[in-house]
Amino acid sequence: MNEDQIDSTGGLAARVSALQRQVFLLLLMLLIVGATLCGYLAYQDHICHKDAAAIRPRAVQWIGQFQKIRAGVNTTQVQAFVNSLVAYGAGHPDFERAVLAKYGLNGSPAPVKK
């Protein structure tokens, strides 16, 4: 006998029904996992915004202090210091490789702007 004849329409219908049930349960589980993930991410977003709101006043204060300090910095003195570092690095290759290369200060000293 052929296997198709042994497995009549009743057996095939039972297999299809079991497969439909399994697909339905997998889709239901996927929906539950997806909803849980969305809920968790929404909660994390809420917490992050709350933390950012708590940090914002202090960050604004720090940014203001930084801008005040930056406005008062004498750029010619900074450039002179960088030029002296580059000049020192020309005579000391280890310093040049370690420090100057790390901060991108390789090359000849730049002219001091007045």
Protein backbone atom coordinates (compact mmCIF):
# COMPACT_ATOMS: atom_id res chain seq x y z
CA MET A 1 0.00 0.00 0.00
CA ASN A 2 1.00 3.54 -0.64
CA GLU A 3 1.72 5.84 2.33
CA ASP A 4 -0.79 8.35 0.98
CA GLN A 5 -3.50 5.71 1.12
CA ILE A 6 -2.64 4.78 4.71
CA ASP A 7 -2.60 8.42 5.75
CA SER A 8 -6.12 9.19 4.71
CA THR A 9 -7.66 12.64 4.79
CA GLY A 10 -8.42 12.29 8.52
CA GLY A 11 -4.74 11.92 9.43
CA LEU A 12 -3.74 14.72 7.08
CA ALA A 13 -6.38 17.02 8.54
CA ALA A 14 -5.10 16.27 12.05
CA ARG A 15 -1.54 17.16 10.99
CA VAL A 16 -2.65 20.40 9.35
CA SER A 17 -4.71 21.28 12.42
CA ALA A 18 -1.75 20.62 14.72
CA LEU A 19 0.48 22.72 12.47
CA GLN A 20 -2.04 25.58 12.48
CA ARG A 21 -2.21 25.41 16.26
CA GLN A 22 1.57 25.50 16.51
CA VAL A 23 1.83 28.47 14.15
CA PHE A 24 -0.87 30.30 16.11
CA LEU A 25 0.94 29.69 19.41
CA LEU A 26 4.26 30.83 17.94
CA LEU A 27 2.65 34.03 16.62
CA LEU A 28 1.03 34.62 20.00
CA MET A 29 4.37 34.14 21.76
CA LEU A 30 6.02 36.49 19.27
CA LEU A 31 3.37 39.10 19.97
CA ILE A 32 3.86 38.76 23.74
CA VAL A 33 7.66 38.98 23.47
CA GLY A 34 7.43 41.97 21.13
CA ALA A 35 5.01 43.80 23.43
CA THR A 36 7.23 43.08 26.43
CA LEU A 37 10.29 44.39 24.58
CA CYS A 38 8.43 47.55 23.51
CA GLY A 39 7.28 48.12 27.10
CA TYR A 40 10.80 47.67 28.44
CA LEU A 41 12.27 50.06 25.86
CA ALA A 42 9.58 52.65 26.62
CA TYR A 43 10.42 52.36 30.33
CA GLN A 44 14.14 52.80 29.61
CA ASP A 45 13.38 55.85 27.45
CA HIS A 46 11.36 57.35 30.30
CA ILE A 47 14.18 56.73 32.79
CA CYS A 48 16.83 58.19 30.46
CA HIS A 49 14.81 61.36 29.88
CA LYS A 50 14.29 61.69 33.62
CA ASP A 51 18.04 61.34 34.23
CA ALA A 52 18.86 63.83 31.49
CA ALA A 53 16.43 66.35 32.97
CA ALA A 54 18.10 65.94 36.36
CA ILE A 55 21.59 66.41 34.90
CA ARG A 56 20.73 69.30 32.55
CA PRO A 57 21.03 72.22 35.07
CA ARG A 58 24.49 71.14 36.18
CA ALA A 59 25.62 70.51 32.59
CA VAL A 60 24.45 73.98 31.57
CA GLN A 61 26.44 75.42 34.46
CA TRP A 62 29.58 73.52 33.39
CA ILE A 63 29.16 74.58 29.78
CA GLY A 64 28.81 78.20 30.89
CA GLN A 65 31.99 77.97 32.97
CA PHE A 66 33.85 76.36 30.08
CA GLN A 67 32.77 79.12 27.71
CA LYS A 68 33.89 81.79 30.17
CA ILE A 69 37.28 80.12 30.58
CA ARG A 70 37.63 79.61 26.84
CA ALA A 71 36.86 83.27 26.17
CA GLY A 72 39.62 84.30 28.58
CA VAL A 73 42.33 82.01 27.15
CA ASN A 74 45.21 83.76 25.43
CA THR A 75 45.61 81.89 22.13
CA THR A 76 49.09 83.22 21.49
CA GLN A 77 50.34 81.67 24.74
CA VAL A 78 48.72 78.34 23.84
CA GLN A 79 50.25 78.43 20.37
CA ALA A 80 53.66 79.27 21.85
CA PHE A 81 53.36 76.29 24.19
CA VAL A 82 52.44 73.97 21.31
CA ASN A 83 55.37 75.30 19.29
CA SER A 84 57.73 74.59 22.18
CA LEU A 85 56.35 71.03 22.42
CA VAL A 86 56.94 70.48 18.71
CA ALA A 87 60.46 71.89 18.99
CA TYR A 88 61.18 69.59 21.94
CA GLY A 89 59.79 66.64 19.98
CA ALA A 90 62.17 67.36 17.11
CA GLY A 91 65.11 66.59 19.41
CA HIS A 92 63.47 63.69 21.24
CA PRO A 93 61.96 61.09 18.87
CA ASP A 94 60.42 59.05 21.69
CA PHE A 95 58.45 62.06 22.90
CA GLU A 96 57.46 62.87 19.34
CA ARG A 97 56.13 59.36 18.70
CA ALA A 98 54.38 59.03 22.03
CA VAL A 99 52.87 62.44 22.68
CA LEU A 100 52.94 64.53 19.54
CA ALA A 101 51.69 61.74 17.28
CA LYS A 102 48.87 60.97 19.71
CA TYR A 103 47.57 64.54 19.60
CA GLY A 104 48.36 65.21 15.93
CA LEU A 105 51.07 67.81 16.56
CA ASN A 106 53.69 66.38 14.22
CA GLY A 107 55.53 68.67 11.86
CA SER A 108 57.34 71.94 12.06
CA PRO A 109 56.33 74.51 14.63
CA ALA A 110 53.51 76.73 13.48
CA PRO A 111 54.14 80.47 13.42
CA VAL A 112 52.89 82.39 16.43
CA LYS A 113 49.85 84.50 15.59
CA LYS A 114 49.75 87.97 17.06
